[in-house]
Amino acid sequence: PEERRVLQHALMKRLVSCFDRLDQVQRDKPGNWNLWRQKLISERYWDSLVEAERLVSEEISTCVAEAGVLEPGWNAHIFNQAVHIWRQQKQQLAEKKEVKKDKEKQKKEVEKAEKRKEVEA
């Protein structure tokens, strides 16, 4: 039971990690397709992008299939669960970046205020 839980957690982690790569490939593909059509990028580069998308999709399919082996019926739900986790992680990362940005902004404002005081004195 504990071993199964560890395997399920590892499989979920593996699947969630695929989504960043898939997202990147899917965001890059339309722009690169236009460049490829205009012969501004090589056939080799385009083929590597298509191959990367295929490999990530294959890894996702493998994870879903393995989920059904680990826990019968889980393969019907793991994909949606992984997408949910991935979105939560992206949201948390965005929030951390925003907090860091706000802290830097506040620090700069304090520094400006201190410089103004120095100039006025």
Protein backbone atom coordinates (compact mmCIF):
# COMPACT_ATOMS: atom_id res chain seq x y z
CA PRO A 1 0.00 0.00 0.00
CA GLU A 2 2.73 2.51 0.94
CA GLU A 3 4.80 1.50 -2.07
CA ARG A 4 1.78 1.95 -4.33
CA ARG A 5 1.18 5.42 -2.92
CA VAL A 6 4.83 6.36 -3.56
CA LEU A 7 4.54 5.06 -7.14
CA GLN A 8 1.30 6.97 -7.69
CA HIS A 9 2.90 10.16 -6.39
CA ALA A 10 5.93 9.69 -8.66
CA LEU A 11 3.71 9.01 -11.66
CA MET A 12 1.64 12.12 -10.96
CA LYS A 13 4.82 14.18 -10.64
CA ARG A 14 6.09 12.78 -13.94
CA LEU A 15 2.83 13.58 -15.71
CA VAL A 16 2.63 17.11 -14.28
CA SER A 17 6.19 17.79 -15.46
CA CYS A 18 5.16 16.91 -19.01
CA PHE A 19 2.70 19.80 -19.16
CA ASP A 20 5.38 22.50 -18.98
CA ARG A 21 7.15 20.97 -21.96
CA LEU A 22 3.91 20.46 -23.87
CA ASP A 23 2.81 24.02 -23.13
CA GLN A 24 6.13 25.41 -24.36
CA VAL A 25 6.05 23.36 -27.57
CA GLN A 26 2.46 24.32 -28.28
CA ARG A 27 3.19 28.02 -27.70
CA ASP A 28 6.25 27.89 -29.97
CA LYS A 29 4.71 25.85 -32.76
CA PRO A 30 2.39 28.40 -34.47
CA GLY A 31 5.05 31.09 -34.77
CA ASN A 32 7.65 28.61 -35.92
CA TRP A 33 5.20 27.14 -38.41
CA ASN A 34 4.88 30.56 -40.02
CA LEU A 35 8.66 30.91 -40.09
CA TRP A 36 9.03 27.42 -41.54
CA ARG A 37 6.47 28.15 -44.29
CA GLN A 38 8.48 31.21 -45.24
CA LYS A 39 11.70 29.12 -45.16
CA LEU A 40 13.13 31.28 -42.38
CA ILE A 41 13.88 28.25 -40.20
CA SER A 42 15.34 24.96 -41.35
CA GLU A 43 13.43 21.79 -42.05
CA ARG A 44 15.58 20.12 -39.38
CA TYR A 45 14.52 22.64 -36.73
CA TRP A 46 10.84 22.28 -37.65
CA ASP A 47 11.12 18.49 -37.56
CA SER A 48 12.74 18.66 -34.11
CA LEU A 49 9.83 20.76 -32.82
CA VAL A 50 7.28 18.30 -34.23
CA GLU A 51 9.28 15.40 -32.76
CA ALA A 52 9.42 17.10 -29.34
CA GLU A 53 5.64 17.48 -29.36
CA ARG A 54 5.23 13.83 -30.35
CA LEU A 55 7.56 12.65 -27.57
CA VAL A 56 5.79 14.68 -24.89
CA SER A 57 2.39 13.46 -26.08
CA GLU A 58 3.69 9.90 -26.03
CA GLU A 59 5.01 10.35 -22.47
CA ILE A 60 1.61 11.67 -21.37
CA SER A 61 -0.12 8.66 -22.94
CA THR A 62 2.33 6.33 -21.22
CA CYS A 63 1.68 7.95 -17.84
CA VAL A 64 -2.07 7.63 -18.32
CA ALA A 65 -1.69 3.96 -19.25
CA GLU A 66 0.56 3.29 -16.25
CA ALA A 67 -2.03 4.92 -13.99
CA GLY A 68 -4.54 2.27 -15.05
CA VAL A 69 -2.06 -0.45 -14.13
CA LEU A 70 -1.29 1.05 -10.73
CA GLU A 71 -4.90 1.70 -9.82
CA PRO A 72 -7.70 0.35 -12.00
CA GLY A 73 -9.81 3.22 -13.27
CA TRP A 74 -7.30 5.91 -12.32
CA ASN A 75 -6.33 6.30 -15.97
CA ALA A 76 -9.73 7.92 -16.55
CA HIS A 77 -8.98 10.66 -14.00
CA ILE A 78 -5.22 11.16 -13.75
CA PHE A 79 -4.97 13.52 -16.72
CA ASN A 80 -7.51 15.99 -15.31
CA GLN A 81 -5.97 15.72 -11.85
CA ALA A 82 -2.51 16.43 -13.26
CA VAL A 83 -3.76 19.44 -15.25
CA HIS A 84 -5.36 20.80 -12.08
CA ILE A 85 -2.10 20.39 -10.12
CA TRP A 86 -0.09 21.95 -12.96
CA ARG A 87 -2.39 24.99 -13.07
CA GLN A 88 -2.15 25.39 -9.30
CA GLN A 89 1.64 25.27 -9.49
CA LYS A 90 1.69 27.87 -12.27
CA GLN A 91 -0.60 30.12 -10.23
CA GLN A 92 1.58 29.77 -7.12
CA LEU A 93 4.69 30.58 -9.15
CA ALA A 94 3.02 33.65 -10.66
CA GLU A 95 1.99 34.82 -7.18
CA LYS A 96 5.54 34.37 -5.85
CA LYS A 97 6.90 36.39 -8.76
CA GLU A 98 4.34 39.12 -8.11
CA VAL A 99 5.27 39.28 -4.39
CA LYS A 100 8.96 39.48 -5.28
CA LYS A 101 8.25 42.22 -7.80
CA ASP A 102 6.25 44.18 -5.22
CA LYS A 103 9.06 43.87 -2.65
CA GLU A 104 11.61 45.14 -5.17
CA LYS A 105 9.33 48.04 -6.05
CA GLN A 106 8.91 48.95 -2.37
CA LYS A 107 12.66 48.74 -1.82
CA LYS A 108 13.30 51.11 -4.74
CA GLU A 109 10.70 53.55 -3.39
CA VAL A 110 12.40 53.54 0.03
CA GLU A 111 15.77 54.16 -1.62
CA LYS A 112 14.34 57.07 -3.64
CA ALA A 113 12.82 58.57 -0.50
CA GLU A 114 16.15 58.28 1.33
CA LYS A 115 17.98 59.95 -1.57
CA ARG A 116 15.42 62.77 -1.59
CA LYS A 117 15.98 63.32 2.13
CA GLU A 118 19.75 63.43 1.56
CA VAL A 119 19.36 65.98 -1.20
CA GLU A 120 16.97 68.12 0.84
CA ALA A 121 19.26 68.07 3.90
